[in-house]
Amino acid sequence: MYKFKETFFKKFFNNISDKILELSEKVENDIQEELHKVDEIKEYNFYKILKAMQDEGLSDSHFGTTTGYGYDDKGREIIEKIYSKVFGSEDSLVRIQIISGTHALALCLYGILRPGDELVSVTGEPYDTLKKVIGEESEEDVGSLRNFNISFRKINILDGMNVELSKLDNVINNNTKMVIIQRSKGYEWRKSISIEEIKKIIERIKSEKEDIVCLVDNCYGEFVEILEPTEIGADLVAGSLIKNPGGSLAQTGGYVAGKKHLIEKIANRLTTPGMGKKVGPSLGHNREILQGLFLAPLLVSEALKGAIYCSRFFELLGFETNPKYNEKRTDIIQAVRFNNPDILIKFCQSVQQCGPVDSFVVPEPWDMPGYEDKVIMAAPTFIQGASLELTADAPIREPYIAYFQGGLYKENVKIAVLKTVQMLYDMGYIKI
């Protein structure tokens, strides 16, 4: 088998170095135990989704379409019942009209918060695209939370790679209405927060103010562990269908799951009061949303296996990786710290060449809307921006970290890593 792979890789990569192939074999041997753990989680989440679909009586009749207002869309209704069961929540809102994870989170903020309320982030700086939603002092009236006299405060309970619950002491005041927890590391060199840690954070916050709303930004985290945040005390979770839960089939959309009275308010924000969840045409997307959800545990597991392979390979090359290959994972993101802008850009450009779509394109850093720094994005994907597919992106700022995620096949990630390492080796950036 090794000789077959060696022949293929040499043909595919135009004589890849024997040293790199030998290192790849070592990586494969090193990560076998971690891959087995991923398979166990995949199996559990598959059973959970299968049972939810069976319990709710999913039928071929639910794959029909509605247009216009979207009244009486039985498929849309069954999707939201299934999501509620899978996420262990009272209700959910799953719509193609939600265009991104940031949009889903913004609906939660605008739906729940009112003038005079305070929002607190306990995971430090919010993700770049959410900063514009929250608002900045120098901005004009663009409709941010700040424009509606909703205040924002941030603290950071993370000390390096550890969560320090003591930092939550005396954080909540009478005006604090909502706390947001960003599960994934985003564009930070920090630990992503596990379900177990999220549970402790929520319990600590609720002990100070029981009716406070705890919102978890669940992007990149769905089905990485066996529980979701709403199963361990979160009032709301939000995410994107072109990430994990869409299973690479959903062409657009987002979701919010949580307490029924909160979902009602959020639905009123998405549409209008009086209409709420009753409207919103599915336009023929019900089948792909449901089938994508069914496939999600499998494809998340492939992305995780690729991330583990990537982490171990670059660790053996002497780069810092976060998380390390044998550390517990709670999202699909693999960060590699390059400390060099040229290596970072070359890495992303090489990943672009290894996907199925637009592999001939050479991405360059650009002023992407919603981001403070120039961003380079490798996205050789079937669906634009679908980060469950093979992608890599990074803000061009020190210490020049690549955020690598997705991969519908672990083997696609492997090809991307091998090609990137060969390129960096040929250019003299690394030694083996």
Protein backbone atom coordinates (compact mmCIF):
# COMPACT_ATOMS: atom_id res chain seq x y z
CA MET A 1 0.00 0.00 0.00
CA TYR A 2 2.85 2.38 0.84
CA LYS A 3 4.41 1.82 -2.62
CA PHE A 4 1.08 2.60 -4.28
CA LYS A 5 0.74 5.84 -2.36
CA GLU A 6 4.36 6.72 -3.01
CA THR A 7 3.88 6.27 -6.76
CA PHE A 8 0.68 8.30 -6.74
CA PHE A 9 2.09 11.18 -4.72
CA LYS A 10 5.22 11.38 -6.84
CA LYS A 11 3.03 11.60 -9.95
CA PHE A 12 0.55 14.03 -8.40
CA PHE A 13 3.21 16.34 -6.92
CA ASN A 14 5.85 16.08 -9.62
CA ASN A 15 8.39 14.09 -7.61
CA ILE A 16 7.61 14.83 -3.99
CA SER A 17 10.56 14.36 -1.63
CA ASP A 18 11.04 10.91 -0.09
CA LYS A 19 11.78 12.67 3.21
CA ILE A 20 8.33 14.26 3.18
CA LEU A 21 6.61 10.95 2.41
CA GLU A 22 8.51 9.25 5.22
CA LEU A 23 7.50 12.00 7.62
CA SER A 24 3.88 11.57 6.48
CA GLU A 25 4.03 7.86 7.37
CA LYS A 26 5.28 8.76 10.83
CA VAL A 27 2.45 11.27 11.23
CA GLU A 28 -0.12 8.63 10.22
CA ASN A 29 1.24 6.21 12.80
CA ASP A 30 1.33 8.85 15.53
CA ILE A 31 -2.30 9.95 15.13
CA GLN A 32 -4.13 6.61 14.99
CA GLU A 33 -5.41 6.77 18.57
CA GLU A 34 -6.78 10.28 18.05
CA LEU A 35 -8.55 9.24 14.85
CA HIS A 36 -10.28 6.45 16.76
CA LYS A 37 -11.62 8.97 19.29
CA VAL A 38 -13.04 11.05 16.44
CA ASP A 39 -14.84 8.00 15.04
CA GLU A 40 -16.50 7.32 18.39
CA ILE A 41 -17.91 10.86 18.55
CA LYS A 42 -19.04 10.64 14.91
CA GLU A 43 -20.97 7.45 15.67
CA TYR A 44 -22.76 8.98 18.65
CA ASN A 45 -23.79 12.12 16.77
CA PHE A 46 -24.98 10.10 13.79
CA TYR A 47 -27.29 8.07 16.01
CA LYS A 48 -28.59 11.25 17.65
CA ILE A 49 -29.49 12.84 14.30
CA LEU A 50 -30.95 9.62 12.87
CA LYS A 51 -33.19 9.20 15.92
CA ALA A 52 -34.36 12.82 15.75
CA MET A 53 -35.38 12.39 12.11
CA GLN A 54 -37.21 9.15 12.87
CA ASP A 55 -38.92 10.50 15.99
CA GLU A 56 -40.26 13.52 14.08
CA GLY A 57 -41.54 11.37 11.23
CA LEU A 58 -39.44 12.85 8.45
CA SER A 59 -41.04 12.04 5.11
CA ASP A 60 -40.35 12.56 1.42
CA SER A 61 -43.34 14.91 1.50
CA HIS A 62 -41.28 17.34 3.59
CA PHE A 63 -38.88 17.97 0.70
CA GLY A 64 -41.37 20.13 -1.19
CA THR A 65 -40.97 23.85 -1.70
CA THR A 66 -42.75 27.08 -0.91
CA THR A 67 -42.40 30.53 -2.45
CA GLY A 68 -43.61 34.00 -1.63
CA TYR A 69 -44.53 34.30 2.04
CA GLY A 70 -43.84 30.64 2.74
CA TYR A 71 -46.99 29.96 4.73
CA ASP A 72 -47.56 26.39 5.95
CA ASP A 73 -44.14 25.11 4.93
CA LYS A 74 -44.25 21.64 6.52
CA GLY A 75 -40.65 20.90 5.56
CA ARG A 76 -39.40 24.06 7.24
CA GLU A 77 -41.38 23.16 10.36
CA ILE A 78 -39.97 19.63 10.51
CA ILE A 79 -36.43 20.96 10.07
CA GLU A 80 -36.86 23.17 13.13
CA LYS A 81 -38.33 20.32 15.17
CA ILE A 82 -35.41 18.09 14.24
CA TYR A 83 -32.86 20.80 15.06
CA SER A 84 -34.54 21.35 18.43
CA LYS A 85 -34.29 17.64 19.24
CA VAL A 86 -30.69 17.35 18.06
CA PHE A 87 -29.60 20.44 20.01
CA GLY A 88 -31.65 19.55 23.08
CA SER A 89 -33.51 22.87 22.94
CA GLU A 90 -37.11 24.00 23.34
CA ASP A 91 -37.26 25.57 19.89
CA SER A 92 -35.15 26.59 16.93
CA LEU A 93 -35.06 28.88 13.92
CA VAL A 94 -33.42 27.37 10.83
CA ARG A 95 -33.69 29.55 7.73
CA ILE A 96 -32.05 30.16 4.38
CA GLN A 97 -32.78 33.85 5.02
CA ILE A 98 -30.00 33.82 7.65
CA ILE A 99 -26.92 34.33 5.51
CA SER A 100 -24.04 33.72 7.94
CA GLY A 101 -23.03 32.89 11.47
CA THR A 102 -22.57 36.59 12.16
CA HIS A 103 -26.11 37.23 10.92
CA ALA A 104 -27.48 34.51 13.23
CA LEU A 105 -25.65 36.01 16.20
CA ALA A 106 -26.79 39.53 15.30
CA LEU A 107 -30.41 38.34 15.25
CA CYS A 108 -29.95 37.05 18.78
CA LEU A 109 -28.48 40.35 19.95
CA TYR A 110 -31.08 42.58 18.30
CA GLY A 111 -33.91 40.23 19.19
CA ILE A 112 -33.18 40.11 22.92
CA LEU A 113 -31.33 43.31 23.90
CA ARG A 114 -33.11 46.62 24.48
CA PRO A 115 -31.89 50.21 25.10
CA GLY A 116 -30.11 50.40 28.44
CA ASP A 117 -29.13 46.73 28.43
CA GLU A 118 -25.54 45.55 28.57
CA LEU A 119 -23.87 42.77 26.59
CA VAL A 120 -20.77 41.15 28.06
CA SER A 121 -18.29 38.98 26.16
CA VAL A 122 -16.47 36.67 28.56
CA THR A 123 -14.09 35.41 25.86
CA GLY A 124 -12.39 38.72 25.20
CA GLU A 125 -12.42 40.38 21.79
CA PRO A 126 -15.42 39.34 19.71
CA TYR A 127 -14.87 37.93 16.24
CA ASP A 128 -13.94 40.62 13.72
CA THR A 129 -17.27 40.69 11.86
CA LEU A 130 -19.23 40.97 15.11
CA LYS A 131 -17.39 44.15 16.16
CA LYS A 132 -19.32 46.20 13.60
CA VAL A 133 -22.59 44.81 14.95
CA ILE A 134 -21.66 45.83 18.48
CA GLY A 135 -20.44 49.23 17.37
CA GLU A 136 -17.49 51.54 17.84
CA GLU A 137 -17.26 54.99 19.41
CA SER A 138 -16.16 56.69 16.21
CA GLU A 139 -18.90 55.29 13.98
CA GLU A 140 -21.86 57.09 12.47
CA ASP A 141 -25.44 55.90 12.92
CA VAL A 142 -25.17 52.56 11.11
CA GLY A 143 -27.64 50.62 13.24
CA SER A 144 -25.16 49.00 15.63
CA LEU A 145 -26.05 48.09 19.22
CA ARG A 146 -24.21 51.20 20.37
CA ASN A 147 -26.56 53.35 18.27
CA PHE A 148 -29.46 51.87 20.26
CA ASN A 149 -27.82 52.67 23.61
CA ILE A 150 -26.90 49.06 24.28
CA SER A 151 -23.55 48.95 26.00
CA PHE A 152 -20.82 46.38 25.59
CA ARG A 153 -18.09 45.17 27.87
CA LYS A 154 -15.49 42.48 27.38
CA ILE A 155 -13.44 40.43 29.80
CA ASN A 156 -11.15 37.54 29.08
CA ILE A 157 -11.44 34.47 31.26
CA LEU A 158 -8.68 32.77 29.30
CA ASP A 159 -5.17 32.82 30.69
CA GLY A 160 -3.13 31.42 27.86
CA MET A 161 -4.75 28.05 27.28
CA ASN A 162 -6.67 27.78 30.54
CA VAL A 163 -10.10 29.05 31.58
CA GLU A 164 -9.99 31.02 34.84
CA LEU A 165 -13.50 31.05 36.32
CA SER A 166 -12.40 33.40 39.10
CA LYS A 167 -12.33 36.20 36.51
CA LEU A 168 -16.13 35.99 36.42
CA ASP A 169 -16.44 37.27 39.99
CA ASN A 170 -18.50 40.49 40.15
CA VAL A 171 -18.72 40.75 36.34
CA ILE A 172 -22.52 40.87 36.15
CA ASN A 173 -24.44 44.02 37.10
CA ASN A 174 -28.10 45.07 37.06
CA ASN A 175 -27.93 46.18 33.41
CA THR A 176 -26.26 43.02 32.13
CA LYS A 177 -28.87 41.24 30.03
CA MET A 178 -26.76 38.87 27.97
CA VAL A 179 -23.41 37.12 28.09
CA ILE A 180 -21.85 35.83 24.87
CA ILE A 181 -19.35 32.97 24.81
CA GLN A 182 -17.36 32.40 21.63
CA ARG A 183 -16.65 28.69 21.56
CA SER A 184 -14.08 28.77 18.77
CA LYS A 185 -10.79 30.61 18.92
CA GLY A 186 -11.68 32.80 15.95
CA TYR A 187 -8.64 34.76 14.81
CA GLU A 188 -6.94 34.51 18.21
CA TRP A 189 -4.10 32.36 19.46
CA ARG A 190 -6.10 30.90 22.30
CA LYS A 191 -7.76 27.73 23.38
CA SER A 192 -11.19 26.96 21.98
CA ILE A 193 -13.62 26.37 24.82
CA SER A 194 -14.91 22.86 25.41
CA ILE A 195 -18.49 21.92 26.29
CA GLU A 196 -17.38 21.01 29.79
CA GLU A 197 -15.84 24.46 30.26
CA ILE A 198 -18.88 26.22 28.75
CA LYS A 199 -21.05 24.40 31.30
CA LYS A 200 -18.92 25.68 34.18
CA ILE A 201 -18.94 29.23 32.81
CA ILE A 202 -22.73 29.26 32.47
CA GLU A 203 -23.25 27.81 35.94
CA ARG A 204 -20.97 30.50 37.40
CA ILE A 205 -22.80 33.30 35.57
CA LYS A 206 -26.27 31.98 36.43
CA SER A 207 -25.32 31.75 40.11
CA GLU A 208 -24.95 35.54 40.09
CA LYS A 209 -27.99 36.35 37.94
CA GLU A 210 -30.34 33.50 37.13
CA ASP A 211 -32.31 35.19 34.35
CA ILE A 212 -29.31 36.37 32.36
CA VAL A 213 -29.28 35.11 28.76
CA CYS A 214 -26.23 33.00 27.90
CA LEU A 215 -25.57 32.94 24.15
CA VAL A 216 -22.92 30.63 22.67
CA ASP A 217 -21.38 31.35 19.29
CA ASN A 218 -21.32 27.73 18.11
CA CYS A 219 -19.66 28.28 14.72
CA TYR A 220 -17.20 25.50 13.82
CA GLY A 221 -18.15 23.52 16.95
CA GLU A 222 -21.25 21.52 16.02
CA PHE A 223 -20.85 17.72 16.37
CA VAL A 224 -17.21 17.93 17.40
CA GLU A 225 -18.26 16.73 20.86
CA ILE A 226 -21.21 14.55 21.88
CA LEU A 227 -23.14 17.42 23.48
CA GLU A 228 -24.16 20.87 22.25
CA PRO A 229 -24.18 24.01 24.46
CA THR A 230 -27.99 24.04 24.76
CA GLU A 231 -27.78 20.58 26.32
CA ILE A 232 -25.66 21.87 29.20
CA GLY A 233 -27.38 25.13 30.12
CA ALA A 234 -26.93 27.66 27.30
CA ASP A 235 -30.07 29.68 26.60
CA LEU A 236 -29.15 30.16 22.94
CA VAL A 237 -26.71 28.82 20.36
CA ALA A 238 -26.22 30.19 16.87
CA GLY A 239 -24.31 29.15 13.80
CA SER A 240 -24.10 28.85 10.03
CA LEU A 241 -25.40 26.11 7.76
CA ILE A 242 -22.40 26.46 5.44
CA LYS A 243 -20.23 25.34 8.32
CA ASN A 244 -20.63 22.07 10.24
CA PRO A 245 -24.40 21.44 10.42
CA GLY A 246 -25.06 21.97 6.72
CA GLY A 247 -22.94 18.94 5.87
CA SER A 248 -21.57 20.60 2.69
CA LEU A 249 -25.00 20.42 1.02
CA ALA A 250 -26.77 23.48 2.43
CA GLN A 251 -26.09 26.31 -0.02
CA THR A 252 -26.83 29.06 2.50
CA GLY A 253 -28.61 29.58 5.82
CA GLY A 254 -28.12 29.77 9.54
CA TYR A 255 -29.72 28.55 12.73
CA VAL A 256 -30.52 29.58 16.27
CA ALA A 257 -31.61 27.06 18.91
CA GLY A 258 -32.66 27.66 22.49
CA LYS A 259 -35.44 28.71 24.84
CA LYS A 260 -38.83 29.04 23.15
CA HIS A 261 -39.62 32.57 24.39
CA LEU A 262 -36.23 33.79 23.15
CA ILE A 263 -36.57 32.13 19.75
CA GLU A 264 -39.92 33.90 19.35
CA LYS A 265 -38.28 37.28 19.88
CA ILE A 266 -35.47 36.42 17.48
CA ALA A 267 -37.93 35.25 14.82
CA ASN A 268 -39.74 38.58 15.15
CA ARG A 269 -36.44 40.29 14.38
CA LEU A 270 -35.78 38.08 11.35
CA THR A 271 -39.22 38.79 9.90
CA THR A 272 -41.65 41.09 11.77
CA PRO A 273 -43.69 40.99 14.98
CA GLY A 274 -46.93 39.19 14.22
CA MET A 275 -45.32 37.03 11.56
CA GLY A 276 -42.29 35.59 13.36
CA LYS A 277 -41.69 31.94 12.44
CA LYS A 278 -44.86 31.65 10.37
CA VAL A 279 -43.27 33.01 7.19
CA GLY A 280 -40.11 32.49 5.16
CA PRO A 281 -40.20 30.42 1.96
CA SER A 282 -37.87 27.43 1.73
CA LEU A 283 -37.45 27.80 -2.08
CA GLY A 284 -36.64 24.11 -2.48
CA HIS A 285 -33.79 23.95 0.04
CA ASN A 286 -35.42 21.63 2.59
CA ARG A 287 -33.92 18.44 1.22
CA GLU A 288 -30.33 19.70 1.15
CA ILE A 289 -30.63 21.17 4.65
CA LEU A 290 -31.90 17.86 6.05
CA GLN A 291 -29.55 15.63 4.08
CA GLY A 292 -26.66 17.93 4.97
CA LEU A 293 -27.53 17.60 8.65
CA PHE A 294 -27.64 13.81 8.23
CA LEU A 295 -24.13 13.83 6.72
CA ALA A 296 -22.71 16.41 9.13
CA PRO A 297 -21.19 14.03 11.74
CA LEU A 298 -19.33 12.14 9.01
CA LEU A 299 -17.95 15.25 7.32
CA VAL A 300 -17.07 16.93 10.61
CA SER A 301 -15.11 13.80 11.50
CA GLU A 302 -13.22 13.98 8.19
CA ALA A 303 -12.36 17.62 8.87
CA LEU A 304 -11.16 16.73 12.37
CA LYS A 305 -8.99 13.90 11.10
CA GLY A 306 -7.42 16.26 8.60
CA ALA A 307 -6.81 18.86 11.30
CA ILE A 308 -5.10 16.26 13.50
CA TYR A 309 -2.87 15.21 10.60
CA CYS A 310 -2.03 18.85 9.84
CA SER A 311 -1.25 19.62 13.46
CA ARG A 312 1.13 16.69 13.91
CA PHE A 313 2.92 17.32 10.60
CA PHE A 314 3.66 20.98 11.29
CA GLU A 315 4.55 20.23 14.90
CA LEU A 316 7.23 17.79 13.67
CA LEU A 317 8.49 20.54 11.36
CA GLY A 318 9.04 22.79 14.38
CA PHE A 319 6.00 25.09 14.12
CA GLU A 320 3.64 25.87 16.99
CA THR A 321 0.21 24.37 16.48
CA ASN A 322 -3.03 24.99 18.36
CA PRO A 323 -4.43 22.58 19.33
CA LYS A 324 -1.67 20.00 19.32
CA TYR A 325 -2.56 16.79 17.56
CA ASN A 326 -3.34 14.87 20.76
CA GLU A 327 -5.25 17.59 22.60
CA LYS A 328 -9.03 17.54 23.10
CA ARG A 329 -10.88 19.36 20.32
CA THR A 330 -14.08 21.35 20.45
CA ASP A 331 -14.04 22.89 16.95
CA ILE A 332 -12.67 22.04 13.52
CA ILE A 333 -10.12 24.89 13.37
CA GLN A 334 -6.42 24.14 13.31
CA ALA A 335 -4.10 27.09 13.88
CA VAL A 336 -0.47 27.05 12.75
CA ARG A 337 1.80 29.87 13.87
CA PHE A 338 4.32 30.86 11.20
CA ASN A 339 5.78 34.15 12.54
CA ASN A 340 6.43 35.08 8.92
CA PRO A 341 3.98 36.80 6.53
CA ASP A 342 5.53 35.24 3.42
CA ILE A 343 5.13 31.68 4.73
CA LEU A 344 1.56 32.46 5.81
CA ILE A 345 0.60 33.75 2.36
CA LYS A 346 2.34 30.87 0.58
CA PHE A 347 0.55 28.40 2.85
CA CYS A 348 -2.89 29.77 1.96
CA GLN A 349 -2.05 29.97 -1.74
CA SER A 350 -0.93 26.35 -1.70
CA VAL A 351 -4.15 25.21 0.02
CA GLN A 352 -6.13 26.95 -2.74
CA GLN A 353 -4.35 24.79 -5.33
CA CYS A 354 -5.44 21.59 -3.57
CA GLY A 355 -9.22 21.95 -3.66
CA PRO A 356 -11.67 20.88 -6.36
CA VAL A 357 -12.92 24.35 -7.37
CA ASP A 358 -10.85 27.33 -8.57
CA SER A 359 -7.60 25.47 -7.89
CA PHE A 360 -5.94 27.69 -10.53
CA VAL A 361 -6.71 30.89 -8.58
CA VAL A 362 -3.97 32.60 -6.53
CA PRO A 363 -5.54 34.32 -3.50
CA GLU A 364 -4.02 37.57 -2.25
CA PRO A 365 -4.60 39.55 0.96
CA TRP A 366 -7.42 42.09 0.57
CA ASP A 367 -9.64 44.46 2.51
CA MET A 368 -12.46 42.03 3.20
CA PRO A 369 -15.70 43.66 4.48
CA GLY A 370 -16.06 43.40 8.25
CA TYR A 371 -12.37 42.82 9.04
CA GLU A 372 -9.84 45.26 10.51
CA ASP A 373 -6.76 43.86 8.76
CA LYS A 374 -6.19 42.60 5.27
CA VAL A 375 -7.29 38.97 5.05
CA ILE A 376 -6.15 36.16 2.79
CA MET A 377 -8.66 33.39 2.16
CA ALA A 378 -8.10 30.10 0.40
CA ALA A 379 -11.52 28.70 -0.47
CA PRO A 380 -11.44 26.14 -3.30
CA THR A 381 -15.00 25.18 -2.38
CA PHE A 382 -18.25 24.19 -4.08
CA ILE A 383 -20.16 26.65 -1.90
CA GLN A 384 -18.76 30.15 -1.43
CA GLY A 385 -17.33 30.58 2.06
CA ALA A 386 -18.20 27.03 3.15
CA SER A 387 -15.57 26.37 5.79
CA LEU A 388 -16.59 22.75 6.35
CA GLU A 389 -14.93 22.30 2.96
CA LEU A 390 -11.16 22.64 2.62
CA THR A 391 -10.30 26.25 3.50
CA ALA A 392 -7.55 28.32 5.09
CA ASP A 393 -7.58 31.97 6.01
CA ALA A 394 -5.73 34.52 8.06
CA PRO A 395 -5.56 38.20 8.89
CA ILE A 396 -2.22 39.61 7.82
CA ARG A 397 -1.01 40.58 11.27
CA GLU A 398 1.57 39.34 13.72
CA PRO A 399 2.31 36.61 14.66
CA TYR A 400 1.04 35.50 11.23
CA ILE A 401 -1.17 32.56 12.10
CA ALA A 402 -2.96 30.42 9.51
CA TYR A 403 -6.42 29.16 10.48
CA PHE A 404 -6.94 25.93 8.61
CA GLN A 405 -10.28 24.15 8.67
CA GLY A 406 -12.56 21.79 6.87
CA GLY A 407 -11.97 19.11 4.30
CA LEU A 408 -14.71 16.76 3.14
CA TYR A 409 -12.09 14.02 2.93
CA LYS A 410 -9.21 13.68 5.36
CA GLU A 411 -7.23 12.73 2.25
CA ASN A 412 -7.87 16.17 0.72
CA VAL A 413 -6.34 17.77 3.79
CA LYS A 414 -3.40 15.39 3.54
CA ILE A 415 -2.77 16.40 -0.08
CA ALA A 416 -2.91 20.07 0.92
CA VAL A 417 -0.41 19.56 3.74
CA LEU A 418 1.99 17.54 1.61
CA LYS A 419 1.89 20.01 -1.26
CA THR A 420 2.40 22.96 1.09
CA VAL A 421 5.30 21.31 2.90
CA GLN A 422 6.96 20.43 -0.42
CA MET A 423 6.61 24.02 -1.58
CA LEU A 424 8.05 25.44 1.65
CA TYR A 425 10.88 22.87 1.47
CA ASP A 426 11.71 23.81 -2.15
CA MET A 427 11.74 27.52 -1.24
CA GLY A 428 14.10 26.93 1.67
CA TYR A 429 11.64 27.96 4.41
CA ILE A 430 11.88 24.59 6.18
CA LYS A 431 14.38 21.77 6.58
CA ILE A 432 13.60 18.08 6.97
